[in-house]
Amino acid sequence: AVLAGIVFAIITADVFAQVKYKSEFEDFLWEFDKKYASRNEYDERFNIFANNMKKVEKMNNENKYVNYGVTKFSDLTEEEFEKLFLNRNIDIDLKDIPMSIVNDTKLPPNFDWRSKNVVSAVEDQGSCRSSWAFSVVSNVESLHAIKNKDLVTLSKQDLIDCDRRNFGCCGGCPIKAFKFIIQQGGLVKEEDYRYLGKVGMCRNKGMNSTVCFQNFTLIPKNEYKMAARLYQEGPISVYFNGKDLQHYIKGVSRPSPRRCIPNPQNANYAALIVGFGKERGVPYWIIKNSLGTNFGEKGYYRLIRGRNTCGIRNFPSSAIL
C-alpha cells in the first residue's frame, strides 16, 4: 500500500507538471508568435520545451541571484541553440597584437557607460551567427561617441559580407574583425549598408567610411584590469562561452565551470561589456548582447565578475580611437 501510494504521488506530480508546462508552452507560442508546420513538430517542440523547463527549475534552485525561465529560445535543444546563434569553433592568432597597459585606479562600486549616452541601441542578429560583428561595431561606436560626443550607428552587414578573415553568418571573432576594419579603412554607417541577417555580395566599394582607426589592442586577462580599462577608456569587446544565455531572464548569472566551460576553445559568442556593479555583495559585468531587446534585461546580461566565468576574460579587446 505504501509503495502504491508513492507511485501514485509520483504519477500525479508528473501529470500536474505536464499540465503546467503545457500552459506555459501555449503562453510561449503566443508571446513569441511561434508557429509549427505540423502536429508532430508541435509535439516535438513541446517535449523540448518541457525538458528545458525541468532544467531551468534545477538551475534556479542552484542559484538564488539569477532567474532563468521561458525565453524565445525555450523550444530549442542546447545543440540547436548553439548551431543557430553561437559561433563555430575558430582559431585565434594573438601573435603580434599589442597588449594595453592599464593603469591602476580606484574603481567606483558601480559604473555604466549607458548613463553617458555613448552606447547604441540593442539589436537582433536573428539566426545569423554574427555576434562577432555586433560586438566589434558596438565597441567602435561607443569609443567614437566618447571621443567626439556623437553616437553614430555603424554597419554590421559590411563585416558580414566583406570580411573574409571571418565566416559571415557562420561566426567569427572580434580580433580578426578589428584587423579587417583597419585594412579596409574604417566602417560605414548603418543607413548606408543595412543589416540583412544573411551573407550577401560585398557592396562597400565607393562608400565613405564614417569612423576610422589605425590600431586595436588586447586587454590583460585580469578582471580588475578589464574593469579599470573600461572605466578609463570605454566599453570593451569580449568573446566567451555563450551557453548560459539560452534560458537567462534577469539577475546576476553565476553558472558553474561544469555547465559553462571557461576554456578559450569553448568561446563561441561575442558581446560588449558596458559597465560593472555589485548586487547583494556579488560583483557583476553588464553585457550588451545582439539577441534583441526581448532577451534578458532589455537585451542585457549580467554575469558574475572576478571568476573568469564562461571564459569572460579570455579575449578582451578594443579598438583604439
C-alpha atoms as a PDB file:
ATOM      1  CA  ALA A   1       0.000   0.000   0.000  1.00  0.00           C
ATOM      2  CA  VAL A   2       2.834   2.385   0.851  1.00  0.00           C
ATOM      3  CA  LEU A   3       4.603   1.613  -2.432  1.00  0.00           C
ATOM      4  CA  ALA A   4       1.371   2.094  -4.371  1.00  0.00           C
ATOM      5  CA  GLY A   5       0.890   5.467  -2.675  1.00  0.00           C
ATOM      6  CA  ILE A   6       4.387   6.568  -3.591  1.00  0.00           C
ATOM      7  CA  VAL A   7       3.890   5.527  -7.224  1.00  0.00           C
ATOM      8  CA  PHE A   8       0.536   7.350  -7.327  1.00  0.00           C
ATOM      9  CA  ALA A   9       2.133  10.505  -5.893  1.00  0.00           C
ATOM     10  CA  ILE A  10       4.915  10.412  -8.478  1.00  0.00           C
ATOM     11  CA  ILE A  11       2.458   9.919 -11.346  1.00  0.00           C
ATOM     12  CA  THR A  12       0.201  12.688 -10.039  1.00  0.00           C
ATOM     13  CA  ALA A  13       3.122  15.113  -9.709  1.00  0.00           C
ATOM     14  CA  ASP A  14       4.217  14.299 -13.249  1.00  0.00           C
ATOM     15  CA  VAL A  15       0.707  14.878 -14.600  1.00  0.00           C
ATOM     16  CA  PHE A  16       0.482  18.249 -12.850  1.00  0.00           C
ATOM     17  CA  ALA A  17       3.923  19.197 -14.187  1.00  0.00           C
ATOM     18  CA  GLN A  18       2.881  18.316 -17.747  1.00  0.00           C
ATOM     19  CA  VAL A  19      -0.279  20.419 -17.417  1.00  0.00           C
ATOM     20  CA  LYS A  20       1.796  23.329 -16.084  1.00  0.00           C
ATOM     21  CA  TYR A  21       4.336  23.006 -18.901  1.00  0.00           C
ATOM     22  CA  LYS A  22       1.550  22.799 -21.493  1.00  0.00           C
ATOM     23  CA  SER A  23       0.037  26.042 -20.213  1.00  0.00           C
ATOM     24  CA  GLU A  24       3.460  27.744 -20.220  1.00  0.00           C
ATOM     25  CA  PHE A  25       4.113  26.419 -23.720  1.00  0.00           C
ATOM     26  CA  GLU A  26       0.865  27.909 -25.054  1.00  0.00           C
ATOM     27  CA  ASP A  27       1.809  31.261 -23.484  1.00  0.00           C
ATOM     28  CA  PHE A  28       5.259  30.941 -25.061  1.00  0.00           C
ATOM     29  CA  LEU A  29       3.740  30.337 -28.518  1.00  0.00           C
ATOM     30  CA  TRP A  30       1.580  33.433 -28.193  1.00  0.00           C
ATOM     31  CA  GLU A  31       4.274  35.733 -26.757  1.00  0.00           C
ATOM     32  CA  PHE A  32       6.905  34.902 -29.377  1.00  0.00           C
ATOM     33  CA  ASP A  33       4.491  34.251 -32.270  1.00  0.00           C
ATOM     34  CA  LYS A  34       5.750  30.708 -32.775  1.00  0.00           C
ATOM     35  CA  LYS A  35       4.125  28.511 -35.403  1.00  0.00           C
ATOM     36  CA  TYR A  36       4.953  24.951 -36.416  1.00  0.00           C
ATOM     37  CA  ALA A  37       4.367  23.181 -39.709  1.00  0.00           C
ATOM     38  CA  SER A  38       2.691  20.069 -38.281  1.00  0.00           C
ATOM     39  CA  ARG A  39       1.269  18.467 -35.163  1.00  0.00           C
ATOM     40  CA  ASN A  40       4.343  16.235 -34.993  1.00  0.00           C
ATOM     41  CA  GLU A  41       6.596  19.286 -34.896  1.00  0.00           C
ATOM     42  CA  TYR A  42       4.360  20.862 -32.242  1.00  0.00           C
ATOM     43  CA  ASP A  43       4.661  17.737 -30.088  1.00  0.00           C
ATOM     44  CA  GLU A  44       8.433  17.591 -30.608  1.00  0.00           C
ATOM     45  CA  ARG A  45       8.869  21.249 -29.641  1.00  0.00           C
ATOM     46  CA  PHE A  46       6.644  20.838 -26.595  1.00  0.00           C
ATOM     47  CA  ASN A  47       8.759  17.929 -25.365  1.00  0.00           C
ATOM     48  CA  ILE A  48      11.927  20.002 -25.815  1.00  0.00           C
ATOM     49  CA  PHE A  49      10.265  22.936 -24.029  1.00  0.00           C
ATOM     50  CA  ALA A  50       9.192  20.720 -21.094  1.00  0.00           C
ATOM     51  CA  ASN A  51      12.704  19.279 -20.764  1.00  0.00           C
ATOM     52  CA  ASN A  52      14.130  22.809 -20.805  1.00  0.00           C
ATOM     53  CA  MET A  53      11.721  23.908 -18.056  1.00  0.00           C
ATOM     54  CA  LYS A  54      12.842  20.984 -15.880  1.00  0.00           C
ATOM     55  CA  LYS A  55      16.421  22.079 -16.447  1.00  0.00           C
ATOM     56  CA  VAL A  56      15.522  25.703 -15.654  1.00  0.00           C
ATOM     57  CA  GLU A  57      13.940  24.704 -12.341  1.00  0.00           C
ATOM     58  CA  LYS A  58      17.137  22.937 -11.338  1.00  0.00           C
ATOM     59  CA  MET A  59      19.273  25.911 -12.437  1.00  0.00           C
ATOM     60  CA  ASN A  60      17.148  28.331 -10.396  1.00  0.00           C
ATOM     61  CA  ASN A  61      17.410  26.103  -7.325  1.00  0.00           C
ATOM     62  CA  GLU A  62      21.213  26.181  -7.641  1.00  0.00           C
ATOM     63  CA  ASN A  63      21.496  29.973  -7.936  1.00  0.00           C
ATOM     64  CA  LYS A  64      19.498  32.493  -5.906  1.00  0.00           C
ATOM     65  CA  TYR A  65      20.968  35.534  -7.672  1.00  0.00           C
ATOM     66  CA  VAL A  66      19.582  34.858 -11.156  1.00  0.00           C
ATOM     67  CA  ASN A  67      16.279  33.996 -12.760  1.00  0.00           C
ATOM     68  CA  TYR A  68      16.189  31.526 -15.638  1.00  0.00           C
ATOM     69  CA  GLY A  69      12.918  30.815 -17.377  1.00  0.00           C
ATOM     70  CA  VAL A  70      10.922  30.934 -20.585  1.00  0.00           C
ATOM     71  CA  THR A  71      12.775  32.748 -23.361  1.00  0.00           C
ATOM     72  CA  LYS A  72      12.338  32.896 -27.126  1.00  0.00           C
ATOM     73  CA  PHE A  73      14.867  30.026 -27.293  1.00  0.00           C
ATOM     74  CA  SER A  74      12.939  27.668 -24.994  1.00  0.00           C
ATOM     75  CA  ASP A  75      11.776  25.322 -27.777  1.00  0.00           C
ATOM     76  CA  LEU A  76      15.361  24.626 -28.870  1.00  0.00           C
ATOM     77  CA  THR A  77      17.770  21.976 -27.657  1.00  0.00           C
ATOM     78  CA  GLU A  78      21.189  23.143 -26.465  1.00  0.00           C
ATOM     79  CA  GLU A  79      22.661  21.856 -29.724  1.00  0.00           C
ATOM     80  CA  GLU A  80      20.129  23.768 -31.818  1.00  0.00           C
ATOM     81  CA  PHE A  81      20.681  26.985 -29.864  1.00  0.00           C
ATOM     82  CA  GLU A  82      24.418  26.702 -30.405  1.00  0.00           C
ATOM     83  CA  LYS A  83      24.035  25.904 -34.105  1.00  0.00           C
ATOM     84  CA  LEU A  84      21.653  28.826 -34.725  1.00  0.00           C
ATOM     85  CA  PHE A  85      23.059  31.592 -32.528  1.00  0.00           C
ATOM     86  CA  LEU A  86      26.595  30.797 -31.362  1.00  0.00           C
ATOM     87  CA  ASN A  87      29.800  30.730 -33.372  1.00  0.00           C
ATOM     88  CA  ARG A  88      31.645  27.860 -34.939  1.00  0.00           C
ATOM     89  CA  ASN A  89      34.997  26.970 -33.369  1.00  0.00           C
ATOM     90  CA  ILE A  90      37.546  29.488 -34.704  1.00  0.00           C
ATOM     91  CA  ASP A  91      41.332  29.522 -34.422  1.00  0.00           C
ATOM     92  CA  ILE A  92      42.542  32.797 -32.934  1.00  0.00           C
ATOM     93  CA  ASP A  93      46.091  34.015 -33.521  1.00  0.00           C
ATOM     94  CA  LEU A  94      47.171  36.521 -30.859  1.00  0.00           C
ATOM     95  CA  LYS A  95      50.719  36.954 -32.159  1.00  0.00           C
ATOM     96  CA  ASP A  96      51.947  40.495 -32.778  1.00  0.00           C
ATOM     97  CA  ILE A  97      48.826  42.105 -31.280  1.00  0.00           C
ATOM     98  CA  PRO A  98      49.748  44.803 -28.746  1.00  0.00           C
ATOM     99  CA  MET A  99      48.652  44.431 -25.135  1.00  0.00           C
ATOM    100  CA  SER A 100      47.326  47.584 -23.493  1.00  0.00           C
ATOM    101  CA  ILE A 101      48.932  48.936 -20.355  1.00  0.00           C
ATOM    102  CA  VAL A 102      46.185  49.584 -17.832  1.00  0.00           C
ATOM    103  CA  ASN A 103      46.966  51.973 -15.002  1.00  0.00           C
ATOM    104  CA  ASP A 104      45.689  51.082 -11.564  1.00  0.00           C
ATOM    105  CA  THR A 105      42.810  53.237 -10.447  1.00  0.00           C
ATOM    106  CA  LYS A 106      40.237  53.323  -7.675  1.00  0.00           C
ATOM    107  CA  LEU A 107      37.053  51.928  -9.183  1.00  0.00           C
ATOM    108  CA  PRO A 108      33.564  53.026  -8.130  1.00  0.00           C
ATOM    109  CA  PRO A 109      31.278  50.233  -6.930  1.00  0.00           C
ATOM    110  CA  ASN A 110      29.032  50.746  -9.962  1.00  0.00           C
ATOM    111  CA  PHE A 111      29.721  52.191 -13.402  1.00  0.00           C
ATOM    112  CA  ASP A 112      27.650  52.071 -16.593  1.00  0.00           C
ATOM    113  CA  TRP A 113      28.523  53.739 -19.904  1.00  0.00           C
ATOM    114  CA  ARG A 114      24.838  53.672 -20.878  1.00  0.00           C
ATOM    115  CA  SER A 115      24.267  56.556 -18.483  1.00  0.00           C
ATOM    116  CA  LYS A 116      26.663  58.657 -20.611  1.00  0.00           C
ATOM    117  CA  ASN A 117      24.599  58.123 -23.798  1.00  0.00           C
ATOM    118  CA  VAL A 118      27.505  56.513 -25.640  1.00  0.00           C
ATOM    119  CA  VAL A 119      26.069  53.006 -26.140  1.00  0.00           C
ATOM    120  CA  SER A 120      23.947  52.322 -29.211  1.00  0.00           C
ATOM    121  CA  ALA A 121      20.596  50.522 -29.069  1.00  0.00           C
ATOM    122  CA  VAL A 122      20.428  46.753 -28.663  1.00  0.00           C
ATOM    123  CA  GLU A 123      19.812  44.986 -31.977  1.00  0.00           C
ATOM    124  CA  ASP A 124      18.892  41.455 -33.000  1.00  0.00           C
ATOM    125  CA  GLN A 125      21.290  39.329 -35.044  1.00  0.00           C
ATOM    126  CA  GLY A 126      18.479  36.920 -35.922  1.00  0.00           C
ATOM    127  CA  SER A 127      19.568  33.441 -36.940  1.00  0.00           C
ATOM    128  CA  CYS A 128      22.803  34.802 -38.444  1.00  0.00           C
ATOM    129  CA  ARG A 129      25.665  33.917 -36.072  1.00  0.00           C
ATOM    130  CA  SER A 130      27.081  37.426 -36.291  1.00  0.00           C
ATOM    131  CA  SER A 131      27.624  38.377 -32.639  1.00  0.00           C
ATOM    132  CA  TRP A 132      31.290  38.963 -33.526  1.00  0.00           C
ATOM    133  CA  ALA A 133      30.320  41.807 -35.880  1.00  0.00           C
ATOM    134  CA  PHE A 134      27.903  43.406 -33.402  1.00  0.00           C
ATOM    135  CA  SER A 135      30.495  43.244 -30.616  1.00  0.00           C
ATOM    136  CA  VAL A 136      33.223  44.983 -32.612  1.00  0.00           C
ATOM    137  CA  VAL A 137      30.972  47.570 -34.208  1.00  0.00           C
ATOM    138  CA  SER A 138      29.380  48.428 -30.832  1.00  0.00           C
ATOM    139  CA  ASN A 139      32.863  48.909 -29.373  1.00  0.00           C
ATOM    140  CA  VAL A 140      33.828  51.309 -32.161  1.00  0.00           C
ATOM    141  CA  GLU A 141      30.503  53.185 -31.919  1.00  0.00           C
ATOM    142  CA  SER A 142      30.967  53.787 -28.192  1.00  0.00           C
ATOM    143  CA  LEU A 143      34.614  54.870 -28.432  1.00  0.00           C
ATOM    144  CA  HIS A 144      33.733  57.253 -31.266  1.00  0.00           C
ATOM    145  CA  ALA A 145      30.876  58.689 -29.179  1.00  0.00           C
ATOM    146  CA  ILE A 146      33.112  59.151 -26.127  1.00  0.00           C
ATOM    147  CA  LYS A 147      35.755  60.919 -28.205  1.00  0.00           C
ATOM    148  CA  ASN A 148      33.528  63.000 -30.476  1.00  0.00           C
ATOM    149  CA  LYS A 149      30.259  63.372 -28.499  1.00  0.00           C
ATOM    150  CA  ASP A 150      28.478  61.840 -31.485  1.00  0.00           C
ATOM    151  CA  LEU A 151      26.798  58.408 -31.274  1.00  0.00           C
ATOM    152  CA  VAL A 152      26.591  57.009 -34.804  1.00  0.00           C
ATOM    153  CA  THR A 153      25.168  53.589 -35.697  1.00  0.00           C
ATOM    154  CA  LEU A 154      27.632  51.737 -37.918  1.00  0.00           C
ATOM    155  CA  SER A 155      27.209  48.821 -40.327  1.00  0.00           C
ATOM    156  CA  LYS A 156      27.483  45.213 -39.223  1.00  0.00           C
ATOM    157  CA  GLN A 157      26.483  43.916 -42.649  1.00  0.00           C
ATOM    158  CA  ASP A 158      29.658  45.445 -44.096  1.00  0.00           C
ATOM    159  CA  LEU A 159      31.681  42.993 -41.998  1.00  0.00           C
ATOM    160  CA  ILE A 160      29.407  40.014 -42.648  1.00  0.00           C
ATOM    161  CA  ASP A 161      29.628  40.474 -46.431  1.00  0.00           C
ATOM    162  CA  CYS A 162      33.203  41.683 -46.834  1.00  0.00           C
ATOM    163  CA  ASP A 163      35.396  40.340 -44.008  1.00  0.00           C
ATOM    164  CA  ARG A 164      36.982  37.167 -45.385  1.00  0.00           C
ATOM    165  CA  ARG A 165      39.025  36.628 -42.216  1.00  0.00           C
ATOM    166  CA  ASN A 166      35.749  35.634 -40.552  1.00  0.00           C
ATOM    167  CA  PHE A 167      32.837  33.474 -41.685  1.00  0.00           C
ATOM    168  CA  GLY A 168      29.823  35.741 -42.062  1.00  0.00           C
ATOM    169  CA  CYS A 169      26.710  34.119 -40.598  1.00  0.00           C
ATOM    170  CA  CYS A 170      28.706  31.038 -39.570  1.00  0.00           C
ATOM    171  CA  GLY A 171      30.608  33.003 -36.961  1.00  0.00           C
ATOM    172  CA  GLY A 172      33.764  34.971 -36.398  1.00  0.00           C
ATOM    173  CA  CYS A 173      35.863  36.556 -33.672  1.00  0.00           C
ATOM    174  CA  PRO A 174      36.325  40.227 -32.776  1.00  0.00           C
ATOM    175  CA  ILE A 175      40.118  40.176 -33.035  1.00  0.00           C
ATOM    176  CA  LYS A 176      40.025  39.194 -36.712  1.00  0.00           C
ATOM    177  CA  ALA A 177      37.290  41.764 -37.349  1.00  0.00           C
ATOM    178  CA  PHE A 178      39.382  44.589 -35.904  1.00  0.00           C
ATOM    179  CA  LYS A 179      42.186  43.651 -38.307  1.00  0.00           C
ATOM    180  CA  PHE A 180      39.801  43.733 -41.259  1.00  0.00           C
ATOM    181  CA  ILE A 181      38.314  47.134 -40.361  1.00  0.00           C
ATOM    182  CA  ILE A 182      41.791  48.674 -40.196  1.00  0.00           C
ATOM    183  CA  GLN A 183      42.711  47.042 -43.514  1.00  0.00           C
ATOM    184  CA  GLN A 184      39.597  48.321 -45.318  1.00  0.00           C
ATOM    185  CA  GLY A 185      39.898  51.811 -43.889  1.00  0.00           C
ATOM    186  CA  GLY A 186      37.056  52.030 -41.387  1.00  0.00           C
ATOM    187  CA  LEU A 187      33.328  51.455 -41.057  1.00  0.00           C
ATOM    188  CA  VAL A 188      30.382  52.916 -42.947  1.00  0.00           C
ATOM    189  CA  LYS A 189      27.058  53.993 -41.474  1.00  0.00           C
ATOM    190  CA  GLU A 190      24.271  51.501 -40.860  1.00  0.00           C
ATOM    191  CA  GLU A 191      21.928  53.573 -43.028  1.00  0.00           C
ATOM    192  CA  ASP A 192      24.308  53.168 -45.981  1.00  0.00           C
ATOM    193  CA  TYR A 193      24.754  49.392 -45.577  1.00  0.00           C
ATOM    194  CA  ARG A 194      21.812  47.962 -43.648  1.00  0.00           C
ATOM    195  CA  TYR A 195      21.738  44.712 -41.722  1.00  0.00           C
ATOM    196  CA  LEU A 196      20.093  41.801 -43.538  1.00  0.00           C
ATOM    197  CA  GLY A 197      20.921  38.877 -41.256  1.00  0.00           C
ATOM    198  CA  LYS A 198      22.343  36.850 -44.139  1.00  0.00           C
ATOM    199  CA  VAL A 199      25.516  36.871 -46.210  1.00  0.00           C
ATOM    200  CA  GLY A 200      25.423  38.819 -49.466  1.00  0.00           C
ATOM    201  CA  MET A 201      27.794  40.301 -52.022  1.00  0.00           C
ATOM    202  CA  CYS A 202      30.280  42.832 -50.662  1.00  0.00           C
ATOM    203  CA  ARG A 203      28.807  46.243 -51.543  1.00  0.00           C
ATOM    204  CA  ASN A 204      31.071  48.738 -49.790  1.00  0.00           C
ATOM    205  CA  LYS A 205      33.021  49.832 -52.863  1.00  0.00           C
ATOM    206  CA  GLY A 206      32.842  53.585 -53.210  1.00  0.00           C
ATOM    207  CA  MET A 207      31.273  54.090 -49.784  1.00  0.00           C
ATOM    208  CA  ASN A 208      32.910  56.624 -47.490  1.00  0.00           C
ATOM    209  CA  SER A 209      33.929  55.388 -44.061  1.00  0.00           C
ATOM    210  CA  THR A 210      32.414  57.325 -41.167  1.00  0.00           C
ATOM    211  CA  VAL A 211      34.744  56.063 -38.432  1.00  0.00           C
ATOM    212  CA  CYS A 212      38.369  55.086 -38.988  1.00  0.00           C
ATOM    213  CA  PHE A 213      41.113  53.892 -36.663  1.00  0.00           C
ATOM    214  CA  GLN A 214      44.623  52.546 -37.085  1.00  0.00           C
ATOM    215  CA  ASN A 215      45.115  50.262 -34.097  1.00  0.00           C
ATOM    216  CA  PHE A 216      43.430  47.931 -31.670  1.00  0.00           C
ATOM    217  CA  THR A 217      44.625  46.239 -28.523  1.00  0.00           C
ATOM    218  CA  LEU A 218      44.249  43.204 -26.354  1.00  0.00           C
ATOM    219  CA  ILE A 219      43.395  43.891 -22.721  1.00  0.00           C
ATOM    220  CA  PRO A 220      45.082  41.989 -19.879  1.00  0.00           C
ATOM    221  CA  LYS A 221      43.291  38.778 -18.894  1.00  0.00           C
ATOM    222  CA  ASN A 222      42.568  40.121 -15.437  1.00  0.00           C
ATOM    223  CA  GLU A 223      39.081  41.229 -14.478  1.00  0.00           C
ATOM    224  CA  TYR A 224      40.277  44.128 -12.326  1.00  0.00           C
ATOM    225  CA  LYS A 225      42.348  45.376 -15.281  1.00  0.00           C
ATOM    226  CA  MET A 226      39.369  44.889 -17.588  1.00  0.00           C
ATOM    227  CA  ALA A 227      37.168  46.971 -15.296  1.00  0.00           C
ATOM    228  CA  ALA A 228      39.855  49.666 -14.995  1.00  0.00           C
ATOM    229  CA  ARG A 229      40.279  49.822 -18.780  1.00  0.00           C
ATOM    230  CA  LEU A 230      36.511  50.027 -19.264  1.00  0.00           C
ATOM    231  CA  TYR A 231      36.204  52.785 -16.657  1.00  0.00           C
ATOM    232  CA  GLN A 232      39.072  54.800 -18.116  1.00  0.00           C
ATOM    233  CA  GLU A 233      38.562  54.308 -21.855  1.00  0.00           C
ATOM    234  CA  GLY A 234      35.158  52.835 -22.731  1.00  0.00           C
ATOM    235  CA  PRO A 235      33.226  49.596 -23.356  1.00  0.00           C
ATOM    236  CA  ILE A 236      35.238  46.528 -24.340  1.00  0.00           C
ATOM    237  CA  SER A 237      34.637  43.629 -26.691  1.00  0.00           C
ATOM    238  CA  VAL A 238      34.643  40.130 -25.212  1.00  0.00           C
ATOM    239  CA  TYR A 239      34.488  36.659 -26.722  1.00  0.00           C
ATOM    240  CA  PHE A 240      33.314  33.904 -24.377  1.00  0.00           C
ATOM    241  CA  ASN A 241      31.162  30.808 -23.908  1.00  0.00           C
ATOM    242  CA  GLY A 242      27.551  31.851 -24.565  1.00  0.00           C
ATOM    243  CA  LYS A 243      25.887  28.627 -23.483  1.00  0.00           C
ATOM    244  CA  ASP A 244      24.347  30.267 -20.402  1.00  0.00           C
ATOM    245  CA  LEU A 245      22.364  32.766 -22.489  1.00  0.00           C
ATOM    246  CA  GLN A 246      19.660  30.403 -23.724  1.00  0.00           C
ATOM    247  CA  HIS A 247      17.478  30.454 -20.580  1.00  0.00           C
ATOM    248  CA  TYR A 248      18.564  33.763 -18.990  1.00  0.00           C
ATOM    249  CA  ILE A 249      15.828  36.154 -17.812  1.00  0.00           C
ATOM    250  CA  LYS A 250      17.365  38.534 -15.267  1.00  0.00           C
ATOM    251  CA  GLY A 251      19.759  38.828 -12.346  1.00  0.00           C
ATOM    252  CA  VAL A 252      23.442  38.030 -11.900  1.00  0.00           C
ATOM    253  CA  SER A 253      24.284  34.747 -13.581  1.00  0.00           C
ATOM    254  CA  ARG A 254      26.960  32.567 -11.982  1.00  0.00           C
ATOM    255  CA  PRO A 255      26.961  29.209 -13.820  1.00  0.00           C
ATOM    256  CA  SER A 256      29.418  26.577 -12.678  1.00  0.00           C
ATOM    257  CA  PRO A 257      32.532  25.845 -14.785  1.00  0.00           C
ATOM    258  CA  ARG A 258      30.998  22.441 -15.469  1.00  0.00           C
ATOM    259  CA  ARG A 259      27.898  23.978 -17.057  1.00  0.00           C
ATOM    260  CA  CYS A 260      29.640  26.891 -18.793  1.00  0.00           C
ATOM    261  CA  ILE A 261      33.190  25.782 -19.576  1.00  0.00           C
ATOM    262  CA  PRO A 262      35.635  28.729 -19.332  1.00  0.00           C
ATOM    263  CA  ASN A 263      38.358  27.307 -21.591  1.00  0.00           C
ATOM    264  CA  PRO A 264      39.409  29.516 -24.556  1.00  0.00           C
ATOM    265  CA  GLN A 265      38.474  26.795 -27.065  1.00  0.00           C
ATOM    266  CA  ASN A 266      34.872  26.974 -25.825  1.00  0.00           C
ATOM    267  CA  ALA A 267      34.472  30.639 -26.810  1.00  0.00           C
ATOM    268  CA  ASN A 268      31.521  30.931 -29.174  1.00  0.00           C
ATOM    269  CA  TYR A 269      29.798  34.273 -28.582  1.00  0.00           C
ATOM    270  CA  ALA A 270      30.943  37.897 -28.694  1.00  0.00           C
ATOM    271  CA  ALA A 271      29.408  40.842 -26.865  1.00  0.00           C
ATOM    272  CA  LEU A 272      30.215  44.236 -25.357  1.00  0.00           C
ATOM    273  CA  ILE A 273      30.857  44.912 -21.680  1.00  0.00           C
ATOM    274  CA  VAL A 274      29.421  48.381 -20.958  1.00  0.00           C
ATOM    275  CA  GLY A 275      29.723  48.515 -17.185  1.00  0.00           C
ATOM    276  CA  PHE A 276      30.055  46.760 -13.856  1.00  0.00           C
ATOM    277  CA  GLY A 277      28.450  46.783 -10.447  1.00  0.00           C
ATOM    278  CA  LYS A 278      27.648  44.866  -7.301  1.00  0.00           C
ATOM    279  CA  GLU A 279      24.340  43.405  -6.112  1.00  0.00           C
ATOM    280  CA  ARG A 280      23.894  41.885  -2.646  1.00  0.00           C
ATOM    281  CA  GLY A 281      27.667  41.711  -2.406  1.00  0.00           C
ATOM    282  CA  VAL A 282      28.065  39.916  -5.754  1.00  0.00           C
ATOM    283  CA  PRO A 283      30.207  41.767  -8.341  1.00  0.00           C
ATOM    284  CA  TYR A 284      28.998  41.589 -11.926  1.00  0.00           C
ATOM    285  CA  TRP A 285      29.536  42.685 -15.505  1.00  0.00           C
ATOM    286  CA  ILE A 286      26.842  44.438 -17.576  1.00  0.00           C
ATOM    287  CA  ILE A 287      26.960  42.917 -21.054  1.00  0.00           C
ATOM    288  CA  LYS A 288      25.245  44.206 -24.187  1.00  0.00           C
ATOM    289  CA  ASN A 289      24.071  41.396 -26.447  1.00  0.00           C
ATOM    290  CA  SER A 290      22.806  41.130 -30.022  1.00  0.00           C
ATOM    291  CA  LEU A 291      19.793  38.922 -29.294  1.00  0.00           C
ATOM    292  CA  GLY A 292      17.163  41.672 -29.315  1.00  0.00           C
ATOM    293  CA  THR A 293      15.511  43.702 -26.569  1.00  0.00           C
ATOM    294  CA  ASN A 294      13.194  40.775 -25.775  1.00  0.00           C
ATOM    295  CA  PHE A 295      16.194  38.877 -24.426  1.00  0.00           C
ATOM    296  CA  GLY A 296      17.342  39.140 -20.812  1.00  0.00           C
ATOM    297  CA  GLU A 297      17.278  42.560 -19.158  1.00  0.00           C
ATOM    298  CA  LYS A 298      16.099  44.514 -22.222  1.00  0.00           C
ATOM    299  CA  GLY A 299      18.900  42.985 -24.272  1.00  0.00           C
ATOM    300  CA  TYR A 300      21.498  42.942 -21.493  1.00  0.00           C
ATOM    301  CA  TYR A 301      23.012  40.128 -19.454  1.00  0.00           C
ATOM    302  CA  ARG A 302      24.695  40.362 -16.055  1.00  0.00           C
ATOM    303  CA  LEU A 303      27.450  37.877 -15.295  1.00  0.00           C
ATOM    304  CA  ILE A 304      29.392  37.415 -12.074  1.00  0.00           C
ATOM    305  CA  ARG A 305      32.724  39.258 -12.191  1.00  0.00           C
ATOM    306  CA  GLY A 306      36.117  38.070 -10.959  1.00  0.00           C
ATOM    307  CA  ARG A 307      35.955  34.311 -11.604  1.00  0.00           C
ATOM    308  CA  ASN A 308      36.520  34.075 -15.362  1.00  0.00           C
ATOM    309  CA  THR A 309      33.000  32.693 -15.552  1.00  0.00           C
ATOM    310  CA  CYS A 310      32.246  31.323 -19.035  1.00  0.00           C
ATOM    311  CA  GLY A 311      35.751  32.446 -20.061  1.00  0.00           C
ATOM    312  CA  ILE A 312      34.816  36.148 -19.993  1.00  0.00           C
ATOM    313  CA  ARG A 313      38.438  37.276 -19.520  1.00  0.00           C
ATOM    314  CA  ASN A 314      39.998  35.106 -22.227  1.00  0.00           C
ATOM    315  CA  PHE A 315      39.770  37.516 -25.189  1.00  0.00           C
ATOM    316  CA  PRO A 316      39.027  41.112 -24.098  1.00  0.00           C
ATOM    317  CA  SER A 317      39.931  43.629 -26.798  1.00  0.00           C
ATOM    318  CA  SER A 318      39.181  47.109 -28.066  1.00  0.00           C
ATOM    319  CA  ALA A 319      39.777  49.476 -30.923  1.00  0.00           C
ATOM    320  CA  ILE A 320      41.977  52.489 -30.196  1.00  0.00           C
ATOM    321  CA  LEU A 321      40.426  55.752 -31.376  1.00  0.00           C
END
